[in-house]
Amino acid sequence: MSEKYKFLNPDAIYSTTSTIVDWIDLFTRKEYCEIVADSLRYCQRHKGLVIHAWCLMPSHLHLIVSRSGKPLLPEILRDFKSYTNEKLIGCMSHINESRKDWLLRHFSEAAKDIKRVAHYKIWQDGNHPIELSTNEMIEQRIHYTHFNPVEAGIVSEPEYYIWSSAIDYAGGKGLLTVEHLD
């Protein structure tokens, strides 16, 4: 089995990407984005997740993270994805979601052959972790993370995107507490 995308060093800083199954653009509604932001905030306060940079795109979540104490990063991200999976499915049932039936069918289909998933699977397996072992790698990944919404044509400047830490690196205050890597 490949060791290319694994958390091998528990004390390292990692760039991760968590993706919605089939790259569906799920995070097009504020309610869904708030679930992710609130869950990340919880992981920071109660699980030792240290966020250095982040960006929630319509179909995926980029994080540059490390941890303080226990549990390990794979465990934190596993719990985050499991919890947000439930919360997002519940939210779809309570808001005016025009795609609700299609989304639920799709997420149900994604879960049908997986014994550890009861009804719906929103997140793809894995987090695509890349250990950031040099300052050059850290700088490149922060730039990539923050410029993702610019490249996608969502905003003209990274700091204008609310679901990101780009504002924190531009001297402002974003939605989550960010530990800078300058």
N, C-alpha and C. Protein backbone atom coordinates (compact mmCIF):
# COMPACT_ATOMS: atom_id res chain seq x y z
N MET A 1 0.84 -1.18 0.00
CA MET A 1 0.00 0.00 0.00
C MET A 1 0.89 1.25 0.00
N SER A 2 0.50 2.25 -0.75
CA SER A 2 1.29 3.47 -0.89
C SER A 2 1.30 4.27 0.41
N GLU A 3 2.44 4.90 0.68
CA GLU A 3 2.54 5.77 1.84
C GLU A 3 2.55 7.24 1.41
N LYS A 4 2.24 7.49 0.14
CA LYS A 4 2.30 8.85 -0.38
C LYS A 4 1.32 9.78 0.34
N TYR A 5 0.11 9.33 0.57
CA TYR A 5 -0.90 10.18 1.19
C TYR A 5 -1.36 9.60 2.52
N LYS A 6 -0.46 9.63 3.49
CA LYS A 6 -0.76 9.16 4.84
C LYS A 6 -0.18 10.12 5.85
N PHE A 7 -0.78 10.11 7.03
CA PHE A 7 -0.26 10.89 8.15
C PHE A 7 0.83 10.07 8.82
N LEU A 8 2.07 10.27 8.43
CA LEU A 8 3.16 9.47 8.97
C LEU A 8 3.82 10.10 10.20
N ASN A 9 3.84 11.42 10.27
CA ASN A 9 4.48 12.14 11.37
C ASN A 9 3.39 12.85 12.19
N PRO A 10 3.10 12.36 13.39
CA PRO A 10 2.00 12.93 14.18
C PRO A 10 2.21 14.38 14.60
N ASP A 11 3.45 14.87 14.56
CA ASP A 11 3.72 16.23 15.00
C ASP A 11 3.93 17.22 13.85
N ALA A 12 3.67 16.78 12.64
CA ALA A 12 3.92 17.62 11.46
C ALA A 12 2.72 18.52 11.14
N ILE A 13 2.97 19.45 10.25
CA ILE A 13 1.92 20.28 9.66
C ILE A 13 1.55 19.62 8.34
N TYR A 14 0.24 19.50 8.10
CA TYR A 14 -0.24 18.84 6.89
C TYR A 14 -1.18 19.75 6.11
N SER A 15 -1.13 19.59 4.81
CA SER A 15 -2.15 20.12 3.92
C SER A 15 -3.08 18.95 3.61
N THR A 16 -4.38 19.16 3.80
CA THR A 16 -5.35 18.10 3.53
C THR A 16 -6.44 18.64 2.61
N THR A 17 -7.06 17.73 1.89
CA THR A 17 -8.22 18.07 1.08
C THR A 17 -9.27 17.00 1.31
N SER A 18 -10.43 17.42 1.76
CA SER A 18 -11.57 16.53 1.94
C SER A 18 -12.60 16.91 0.88
N THR A 19 -13.08 15.91 0.16
CA THR A 19 -13.90 16.15 -1.02
C THR A 19 -15.26 15.49 -0.89
N ILE A 20 -16.28 16.17 -1.41
CA ILE A 20 -17.62 15.62 -1.46
C ILE A 20 -17.64 14.51 -2.53
N VAL A 21 -18.41 13.45 -2.28
CA VAL A 21 -18.46 12.35 -3.25
C VAL A 21 -18.79 12.90 -4.64
N ASP A 22 -18.07 12.40 -5.61
CA ASP A 22 -18.23 12.78 -7.01
C ASP A 22 -18.08 14.29 -7.24
N TRP A 23 -17.39 14.95 -6.34
CA TRP A 23 -17.12 16.40 -6.45
C TRP A 23 -18.40 17.23 -6.63
N ILE A 24 -19.47 16.79 -5.98
CA ILE A 24 -20.73 17.54 -6.05
C ILE A 24 -20.54 18.89 -5.37
N ASP A 25 -21.06 19.94 -5.97
CA ASP A 25 -21.02 21.28 -5.38
C ASP A 25 -22.10 21.37 -4.29
N LEU A 26 -21.75 20.92 -3.11
CA LEU A 26 -22.69 20.91 -1.99
C LEU A 26 -22.70 22.26 -1.26
N PHE A 27 -21.53 22.85 -1.08
CA PHE A 27 -21.41 24.04 -0.24
C PHE A 27 -21.74 25.31 -1.02
N THR A 28 -22.99 25.34 -1.47
CA THR A 28 -23.52 26.50 -2.18
C THR A 28 -24.51 27.27 -1.33
N ARG A 29 -24.79 26.75 -0.16
CA ARG A 29 -25.73 27.40 0.77
C ARG A 29 -25.01 27.75 2.07
N LYS A 30 -25.34 28.89 2.58
CA LYS A 30 -24.72 29.38 3.81
C LYS A 30 -24.90 28.40 4.96
N GLU A 31 -26.07 27.79 5.06
CA GLU A 31 -26.34 26.86 6.16
C GLU A 31 -25.34 25.70 6.17
N TYR A 32 -25.01 25.16 5.00
CA TYR A 32 -24.07 24.05 4.93
C TYR A 32 -22.66 24.50 5.31
N CYS A 33 -22.29 25.68 4.82
CA CYS A 33 -20.96 26.21 5.13
C CYS A 33 -20.81 26.48 6.63
N GLU A 34 -21.88 26.97 7.24
CA GLU A 34 -21.84 27.23 8.68
C GLU A 34 -21.67 25.94 9.49
N ILE A 35 -22.24 24.85 9.03
CA ILE A 35 -22.06 23.56 9.71
C ILE A 35 -20.58 23.19 9.70
N VAL A 36 -19.92 23.35 8.57
CA VAL A 36 -18.51 23.03 8.47
C VAL A 36 -17.68 23.94 9.36
N ALA A 37 -17.93 25.25 9.29
CA ALA A 37 -17.18 26.20 10.11
C ALA A 37 -17.39 25.93 11.61
N ASP A 38 -18.63 25.70 12.02
CA ASP A 38 -18.91 25.41 13.42
C ASP A 38 -18.23 24.12 13.88
N SER A 39 -18.21 23.13 13.02
CA SER A 39 -17.58 21.85 13.36
C SER A 39 -16.07 21.99 13.45
N LEU A 40 -15.48 22.77 12.57
CA LEU A 40 -14.03 23.04 12.67
C LEU A 40 -13.72 23.78 13.97
N ARG A 41 -14.54 24.75 14.31
CA ARG A 41 -14.36 25.50 15.55
C ARG A 41 -14.43 24.56 16.76
N TYR A 42 -15.37 23.64 16.74
CA TYR A 42 -15.48 22.65 17.82
C TYR A 42 -14.20 21.81 17.91
N CYS A 43 -13.71 21.35 16.78
CA CYS A 43 -12.48 20.54 16.76
C CYS A 43 -11.29 21.33 17.29
N GLN A 44 -11.27 22.63 17.03
CA GLN A 44 -10.20 23.47 17.58
C GLN A 44 -10.30 23.53 19.09
N ARG A 45 -11.48 23.77 19.61
CA ARG A 45 -11.66 23.98 21.05
C ARG A 45 -11.58 22.70 21.87
N HIS A 46 -12.04 21.59 21.30
CA HIS A 46 -12.20 20.39 22.10
C HIS A 46 -11.35 19.20 21.67
N LYS A 47 -10.73 19.26 20.51
CA LYS A 47 -9.97 18.11 20.03
C LYS A 47 -8.51 18.44 19.73
N GLY A 48 -8.10 19.70 19.88
CA GLY A 48 -6.71 20.05 19.67
C GLY A 48 -6.33 20.33 18.23
N LEU A 49 -7.32 20.52 17.36
CA LEU A 49 -7.02 20.84 15.97
C LEU A 49 -6.46 22.26 15.89
N VAL A 50 -5.32 22.41 15.24
CA VAL A 50 -4.72 23.72 15.02
C VAL A 50 -4.85 24.01 13.53
N ILE A 51 -5.58 25.06 13.20
CA ILE A 51 -5.78 25.44 11.80
C ILE A 51 -4.82 26.57 11.47
N HIS A 52 -4.00 26.35 10.45
CA HIS A 52 -3.06 27.36 9.98
C HIS A 52 -3.62 28.10 8.77
N ALA A 53 -4.40 27.42 7.98
CA ALA A 53 -5.08 28.02 6.83
C ALA A 53 -6.21 27.08 6.43
N TRP A 54 -7.24 27.65 5.79
CA TRP A 54 -8.36 26.82 5.37
C TRP A 54 -9.13 27.51 4.26
N CYS A 55 -9.87 26.73 3.50
CA CYS A 55 -10.74 27.27 2.47
C CYS A 55 -11.79 26.23 2.13
N LEU A 56 -13.05 26.59 2.30
CA LEU A 56 -14.16 25.71 1.95
C LEU A 56 -14.68 26.11 0.58
N MET A 57 -14.44 25.24 -0.38
CA MET A 57 -14.90 25.45 -1.74
C MET A 57 -16.25 24.73 -1.92
N PRO A 58 -16.95 24.96 -3.02
CA PRO A 58 -18.25 24.31 -3.19
C PRO A 58 -18.22 22.78 -3.09
N SER A 59 -17.13 22.15 -3.51
CA SER A 59 -17.09 20.69 -3.51
C SER A 59 -16.02 20.07 -2.62
N HIS A 60 -15.25 20.90 -1.93
CA HIS A 60 -14.16 20.34 -1.13
C HIS A 60 -13.68 21.34 -0.08
N LEU A 61 -12.89 20.82 0.86
CA LEU A 61 -12.36 21.61 1.96
C LEU A 61 -10.85 21.45 2.01
N HIS A 62 -10.13 22.57 1.90
CA HIS A 62 -8.68 22.57 2.06
C HIS A 62 -8.36 23.00 3.49
N LEU A 63 -7.47 22.27 4.13
CA LEU A 63 -7.00 22.63 5.46
C LEU A 63 -5.48 22.53 5.49
N ILE A 64 -4.85 23.45 6.18
CA ILE A 64 -3.46 23.31 6.57
C ILE A 64 -3.51 23.27 8.09
N VAL A 65 -3.17 22.10 8.64
CA VAL A 65 -3.45 21.82 10.04
C VAL A 65 -2.30 21.10 10.73
N SER A 66 -2.33 21.19 12.04
CA SER A 66 -1.51 20.38 12.92
C SER A 66 -2.36 20.11 14.15
N ARG A 67 -1.76 19.56 15.16
CA ARG A 67 -2.55 19.26 16.36
C ARG A 67 -1.76 19.62 17.60
N SER A 68 -2.48 19.84 18.67
CA SER A 68 -1.85 20.03 19.97
C SER A 68 -2.44 18.98 20.89
N GLY A 69 -1.63 18.06 21.36
CA GLY A 69 -2.12 16.99 22.22
C GLY A 69 -2.74 15.86 21.43
N LYS A 70 -3.70 15.22 22.06
CA LYS A 70 -4.40 14.10 21.44
C LYS A 70 -5.80 14.55 21.10
N PRO A 71 -6.51 13.93 20.21
CA PRO A 71 -6.17 12.78 19.39
C PRO A 71 -5.31 13.14 18.18
N LEU A 72 -4.98 12.14 17.38
CA LEU A 72 -4.18 12.33 16.18
C LEU A 72 -5.02 12.97 15.07
N LEU A 73 -4.36 13.61 14.11
CA LEU A 73 -5.07 14.28 13.02
C LEU A 73 -6.04 13.35 12.27
N PRO A 74 -5.64 12.13 11.92
CA PRO A 74 -6.61 11.29 11.20
C PRO A 74 -7.89 11.04 12.00
N GLU A 75 -7.74 10.93 13.32
CA GLU A 75 -8.91 10.71 14.17
C GLU A 75 -9.79 11.96 14.24
N ILE A 76 -9.16 13.12 14.34
CA ILE A 76 -9.91 14.38 14.37
C ILE A 76 -10.70 14.55 13.07
N LEU A 77 -10.03 14.34 11.95
CA LEU A 77 -10.69 14.53 10.66
C LEU A 77 -11.76 13.48 10.41
N ARG A 78 -11.53 12.26 10.86
CA ARG A 78 -12.56 11.21 10.75
C ARG A 78 -13.82 11.62 11.51
N ASP A 79 -13.63 12.07 12.75
CA ASP A 79 -14.78 12.48 13.57
C ASP A 79 -15.47 13.71 12.97
N PHE A 80 -14.69 14.65 12.46
CA PHE A 80 -15.24 15.84 11.82
C PHE A 80 -16.13 15.44 10.63
N LYS A 81 -15.62 14.56 9.79
CA LYS A 81 -16.37 14.17 8.60
C LYS A 81 -17.62 13.37 8.98
N SER A 82 -17.52 12.51 9.96
CA SER A 82 -18.67 11.73 10.41
C SER A 82 -19.76 12.65 10.97
N TYR A 83 -19.36 13.58 11.82
CA TYR A 83 -20.31 14.51 12.42
C TYR A 83 -20.96 15.41 11.37
N THR A 84 -20.14 16.00 10.51
CA THR A 84 -20.71 16.91 9.50
C THR A 84 -21.57 16.15 8.50
N ASN A 85 -21.26 14.90 8.23
CA ASN A 85 -22.10 14.08 7.36
C ASN A 85 -23.54 14.06 7.91
N GLU A 86 -23.66 13.74 9.19
CA GLU A 86 -24.98 13.69 9.83
C GLU A 86 -25.67 15.06 9.83
N LYS A 87 -24.92 16.08 10.24
CA LYS A 87 -25.51 17.43 10.33
C LYS A 87 -25.95 17.95 8.97
N LEU A 88 -25.15 17.71 7.94
CA LEU A 88 -25.50 18.19 6.60
C LEU A 88 -26.75 17.49 6.06
N ILE A 89 -26.84 16.18 6.28
CA ILE A 89 -28.04 15.44 5.85
C ILE A 89 -29.27 15.98 6.59
N GLY A 90 -29.14 16.20 7.89
CA GLY A 90 -30.26 16.75 8.66
C GLY A 90 -30.66 18.13 8.18
N CYS A 91 -29.68 18.94 7.88
CA CYS A 91 -29.95 20.30 7.40
C CYS A 91 -30.71 20.29 6.08
N MET A 92 -30.36 19.38 5.19
CA MET A 92 -31.05 19.28 3.89
C MET A 92 -32.54 19.07 4.06
N SER A 93 -32.92 18.38 5.13
CA SER A 93 -34.33 18.08 5.37
C SER A 93 -35.09 19.26 5.95
N HIS A 94 -34.36 20.26 6.47
CA HIS A 94 -35.03 21.36 7.15
C HIS A 94 -34.98 22.70 6.43
N ILE A 95 -34.18 22.80 5.40
CA ILE A 95 -34.13 24.06 4.67
C ILE A 95 -34.80 23.88 3.31
N ASN A 96 -35.02 24.96 2.64
CA ASN A 96 -35.63 24.91 1.32
C ASN A 96 -34.54 24.59 0.29
N GLU A 97 -34.21 23.32 0.18
CA GLU A 97 -33.15 22.85 -0.71
C GLU A 97 -33.78 22.29 -1.98
N SER A 98 -33.62 23.00 -3.07
CA SER A 98 -34.23 22.57 -4.33
C SER A 98 -33.65 21.26 -4.85
N ARG A 99 -32.45 20.93 -4.44
CA ARG A 99 -31.78 19.71 -4.91
C ARG A 99 -31.89 18.57 -3.91
N LYS A 100 -32.72 18.73 -2.88
CA LYS A 100 -32.75 17.78 -1.78
C LYS A 100 -32.93 16.33 -2.24
N ASP A 101 -33.92 16.04 -3.05
CA ASP A 101 -34.17 14.66 -3.46
C ASP A 101 -32.99 14.10 -4.25
N TRP A 102 -32.46 14.89 -5.16
CA TRP A 102 -31.31 14.45 -5.96
C TRP A 102 -30.09 14.21 -5.07
N LEU A 103 -29.81 15.15 -4.15
CA LEU A 103 -28.66 15.00 -3.26
C LEU A 103 -28.80 13.76 -2.38
N LEU A 104 -29.94 13.60 -1.76
CA LEU A 104 -30.15 12.45 -0.88
C LEU A 104 -30.04 11.13 -1.64
N ARG A 105 -30.59 11.08 -2.84
CA ARG A 105 -30.45 9.87 -3.67
C ARG A 105 -28.98 9.59 -3.97
N HIS A 106 -28.27 10.63 -4.33
CA HIS A 106 -26.85 10.47 -4.68
C HIS A 106 -26.03 10.03 -3.46
N PHE A 107 -26.24 10.67 -2.32
CA PHE A 107 -25.49 10.32 -1.11
C PHE A 107 -25.90 8.94 -0.57
N SER A 108 -27.15 8.55 -0.80
CA SER A 108 -27.59 7.22 -0.42
C SER A 108 -26.93 6.17 -1.31
N GLU A 109 -26.86 6.43 -2.58
CA GLU A 109 -26.20 5.52 -3.53
C GLU A 109 -24.72 5.35 -3.18
N ALA A 110 -24.08 6.43 -2.77
CA ALA A 110 -22.66 6.38 -2.41
C ALA A 110 -22.43 5.50 -1.17
N ALA A 111 -23.44 5.37 -0.33
CA ALA A 111 -23.31 4.62 0.92
C ALA A 111 -23.77 3.17 0.82
N LYS A 112 -24.43 2.81 -0.25
CA LYS A 112 -25.14 1.52 -0.28
C LYS A 112 -24.27 0.29 -0.10
N ASP A 113 -23.04 0.31 -0.55
CA ASP A 113 -22.18 -0.88 -0.44
C ASP A 113 -21.12 -0.77 0.66
N ILE A 114 -21.29 0.20 1.55
CA ILE A 114 -20.30 0.43 2.61
C ILE A 114 -20.94 0.09 3.95
N LYS A 115 -20.44 -0.95 4.60
CA LYS A 115 -21.04 -1.42 5.84
C LYS A 115 -20.94 -0.42 6.98
N ARG A 116 -19.86 0.39 7.01
CA ARG A 116 -19.66 1.32 8.13
C ARG A 116 -20.52 2.57 7.99
N VAL A 117 -21.22 2.72 6.87
CA VAL A 117 -22.07 3.90 6.63
C VAL A 117 -23.52 3.44 6.63
N ALA A 118 -24.34 4.03 7.49
CA ALA A 118 -25.72 3.58 7.65
C ALA A 118 -26.61 3.96 6.45
N HIS A 119 -26.69 5.25 6.12
CA HIS A 119 -27.66 5.67 5.11
C HIS A 119 -27.08 6.56 4.01
N TYR A 120 -26.25 7.52 4.41
CA TYR A 120 -25.77 8.52 3.45
C TYR A 120 -24.27 8.72 3.61
N LYS A 121 -23.60 8.91 2.49
CA LYS A 121 -22.16 9.18 2.50
C LYS A 121 -21.94 10.47 1.70
N ILE A 122 -21.52 11.52 2.41
CA ILE A 122 -21.28 12.81 1.77
C ILE A 122 -19.82 12.97 1.37
N TRP A 123 -18.91 12.60 2.26
CA TRP A 123 -17.48 12.82 2.02
C TRP A 123 -16.84 11.59 1.38
N GLN A 124 -15.94 11.83 0.44
CA GLN A 124 -15.12 10.75 -0.09
C GLN A 124 -14.19 10.26 1.02
N ASP A 125 -13.76 9.02 0.93
CA ASP A 125 -12.78 8.49 1.88
C ASP A 125 -11.46 9.23 1.70
N GLY A 126 -10.72 9.32 2.78
CA GLY A 126 -9.39 9.92 2.75
C GLY A 126 -9.40 11.43 2.87
N ASN A 127 -8.22 11.96 3.15
CA ASN A 127 -8.04 13.40 3.33
C ASN A 127 -6.90 13.95 2.48
N HIS A 128 -6.26 13.09 1.71
CA HIS A 128 -5.15 13.49 0.84
C HIS A 128 -4.11 14.31 1.60
N PRO A 129 -3.59 13.79 2.73
CA PRO A 129 -2.63 14.56 3.52
C PRO A 129 -1.26 14.65 2.85
N ILE A 130 -0.71 15.84 2.88
CA ILE A 130 0.64 16.09 2.39
C ILE A 130 1.41 16.78 3.51
N GLU A 131 2.47 16.12 3.98
CA GLU A 131 3.28 16.72 5.04
C GLU A 131 4.04 17.92 4.48
N LEU A 132 3.95 19.04 5.18
CA LEU A 132 4.63 20.27 4.76
C LEU A 132 5.90 20.40 5.59
N SER A 133 7.00 19.96 5.02
CA SER A 133 8.24 19.85 5.77
C SER A 133 9.21 21.01 5.55
N THR A 134 8.91 21.91 4.62
CA THR A 134 9.79 23.06 4.39
C THR A 134 8.97 24.34 4.34
N ASN A 135 9.62 25.46 4.57
CA ASN A 135 8.93 26.75 4.48
C ASN A 135 8.39 26.99 3.08
N GLU A 136 9.14 26.55 2.08
CA GLU A 136 8.70 26.71 0.69
C GLU A 136 7.40 25.95 0.43
N MET A 137 7.30 24.72 0.95
CA MET A 137 6.08 23.93 0.80
C MET A 137 4.91 24.59 1.52
N ILE A 138 5.16 25.10 2.72
CA ILE A 138 4.11 25.77 3.50
C ILE A 138 3.61 26.99 2.74
N GLU A 139 4.51 27.81 2.26
CA GLU A 139 4.13 29.02 1.53
C GLU A 139 3.33 28.68 0.27
N GLN A 140 3.77 27.67 -0.46
CA GLN A 140 3.08 27.28 -1.69
C GLN A 140 1.67 26.78 -1.39
N ARG A 141 1.51 25.97 -0.35
CA ARG A 141 0.18 25.41 -0.03
C ARG A 141 -0.77 26.47 0.52
N ILE A 142 -0.25 27.42 1.30
CA ILE A 142 -1.11 28.51 1.78
C ILE A 142 -1.59 29.33 0.58
N HIS A 143 -0.69 29.64 -0.33
CA HIS A 143 -1.06 30.39 -1.54
C HIS A 143 -2.10 29.62 -2.34
N TYR A 144 -1.86 28.34 -2.57
CA TYR A 144 -2.80 27.51 -3.32
C TYR A 144 -4.17 27.49 -2.65
N THR A 145 -4.18 27.28 -1.33
CA THR A 145 -5.43 27.22 -0.57
C THR A 145 -6.21 28.51 -0.70
N HIS A 146 -5.55 29.63 -0.48
CA HIS A 146 -6.23 30.92 -0.49
C HIS A 146 -6.64 31.39 -1.88
N PHE A 147 -5.90 30.99 -2.90
CA PHE A 147 -6.23 31.43 -4.26
C PHE A 147 -7.21 30.49 -4.96
N ASN A 148 -7.63 29.41 -4.32
CA ASN A 148 -8.59 28.49 -4.92
C ASN A 148 -9.88 29.19 -5.37
N PRO A 149 -10.50 30.05 -4.53
CA PRO A 149 -11.72 30.72 -4.98
C PRO A 149 -11.48 31.75 -6.09
N VAL A 150 -10.28 32.30 -6.15
CA VAL A 150 -9.94 33.23 -7.23
C VAL A 150 -9.84 32.45 -8.53
N GLU A 151 -9.11 31.33 -8.50
CA GLU A 151 -8.97 30.49 -9.69
C GLU A 151 -10.32 29.97 -10.18
N ALA A 152 -11.25 29.74 -9.25
CA ALA A 152 -12.58 29.24 -9.61
C ALA A 152 -13.50 30.36 -10.10
N GLY A 153 -13.04 31.61 -10.04
CA GLY A 153 -13.85 32.73 -10.49
C GLY A 153 -14.93 33.15 -9.51
N ILE A 154 -14.80 32.76 -8.25
CA ILE A 154 -15.80 33.12 -7.25
C ILE A 154 -15.58 34.53 -6.73
N VAL A 155 -14.32 34.91 -6.51
CA VAL A 155 -13.95 36.25 -6.04
C VAL A 155 -12.74 36.74 -6.85
N SER A 156 -12.52 38.05 -6.77
CA SER A 156 -11.37 38.61 -7.49
C SER A 156 -10.11 38.65 -6.64
N GLU A 157 -10.27 38.64 -5.32
CA GLU A 157 -9.14 38.66 -4.38
C GLU A 157 -9.41 37.62 -3.29
N PRO A 158 -8.40 36.89 -2.86
CA PRO A 158 -8.61 35.82 -1.88
C PRO A 158 -9.28 36.29 -0.59
N GLU A 159 -8.92 37.47 -0.11
CA GLU A 159 -9.45 37.93 1.18
C GLU A 159 -10.94 38.29 1.12
N TYR A 160 -11.53 38.34 -0.07
CA TYR A 160 -12.96 38.61 -0.20
C TYR A 160 -13.82 37.37 0.03
N TYR A 161 -13.19 36.21 0.08
CA TYR A 161 -13.93 34.95 0.23
C TYR A 161 -14.12 34.65 1.71
N ILE A 162 -15.35 34.65 2.15
CA ILE A 162 -15.65 34.53 3.59
C ILE A 162 -15.27 33.16 4.16
N TRP A 163 -15.37 32.09 3.38
CA TRP A 163 -15.16 30.72 3.88
C TRP A 163 -13.70 30.33 3.73
N SER A 164 -12.82 31.18 4.21
CA SER A 164 -11.38 31.00 4.04
C SER A 164 -10.64 31.79 5.11
N SER A 165 -9.37 31.44 5.28
CA SER A 165 -8.51 32.19 6.20
C SER A 165 -7.70 33.27 5.48
N ALA A 166 -7.96 33.50 4.22
CA ALA A 166 -7.18 34.50 3.47
C ALA A 166 -7.25 35.88 4.13
N ILE A 167 -8.39 36.23 4.68
CA ILE A 167 -8.53 37.53 5.36
C ILE A 167 -7.59 37.62 6.56
N ASP A 168 -7.38 36.50 7.24
CA ASP A 168 -6.48 36.48 8.39
C ASP A 168 -5.04 36.78 7.97
N TYR A 169 -4.65 36.29 6.82
CA TYR A 169 -3.30 36.53 6.31
C TYR A 169 -3.17 37.91 5.66
N ALA A 170 -4.32 38.59 5.44
CA ALA A 170 -4.30 39.94 4.87
C ALA A 170 -4.46 41.01 5.96
N GLY A 171 -4.42 40.60 7.23
CA GLY A 171 -4.48 41.55 8.33
C GLY A 171 -5.85 41.69 8.98
N GLY A 172 -6.85 40.96 8.50
CA GLY A 172 -8.18 41.03 9.08
C GLY A 172 -8.44 39.84 9.99
N LYS A 173 -9.72 39.65 10.33
CA LYS A 173 -10.13 38.54 11.20
C LYS A 173 -11.21 37.75 10.50
N GLY A 174 -10.93 36.47 10.28
CA GLY A 174 -11.88 35.59 9.62
C GLY A 174 -12.78 34.87 10.60
N LEU A 175 -13.47 33.87 10.11
CA LEU A 175 -14.47 33.14 10.89
C LEU A 175 -13.88 32.19 11.93
N LEU A 176 -12.68 31.68 11.68
CA LEU A 176 -12.05 30.73 12.58
C LEU A 176 -10.75 31.30 13.13
N THR A 177 -10.33 30.80 14.26
CA THR A 177 -9.04 31.16 14.81
C THR A 177 -7.96 30.46 13.99
N VAL A 178 -6.99 31.25 13.54
CA VAL A 178 -5.94 30.72 12.67
C VAL A 178 -4.59 31.01 13.30
N GLU A 179 -3.75 29.98 13.36
CA GLU A 179 -2.37 30.15 13.83
C GLU A 179 -1.49 30.34 12.60
N HIS A 180 -1.04 31.57 12.41
CA HIS A 180 -0.28 31.93 11.20
C HIS A 180 1.02 31.14 11.08
N LEU A 181 1.36 30.90 9.83
CA LEU A 181 2.63 30.28 9.48
C LEU A 181 3.35 31.25 8.57
N ASP A 182 3.98 32.25 9.14
CA ASP A 182 4.67 33.27 8.32
C ASP A 182 6.14 32.96 8.21
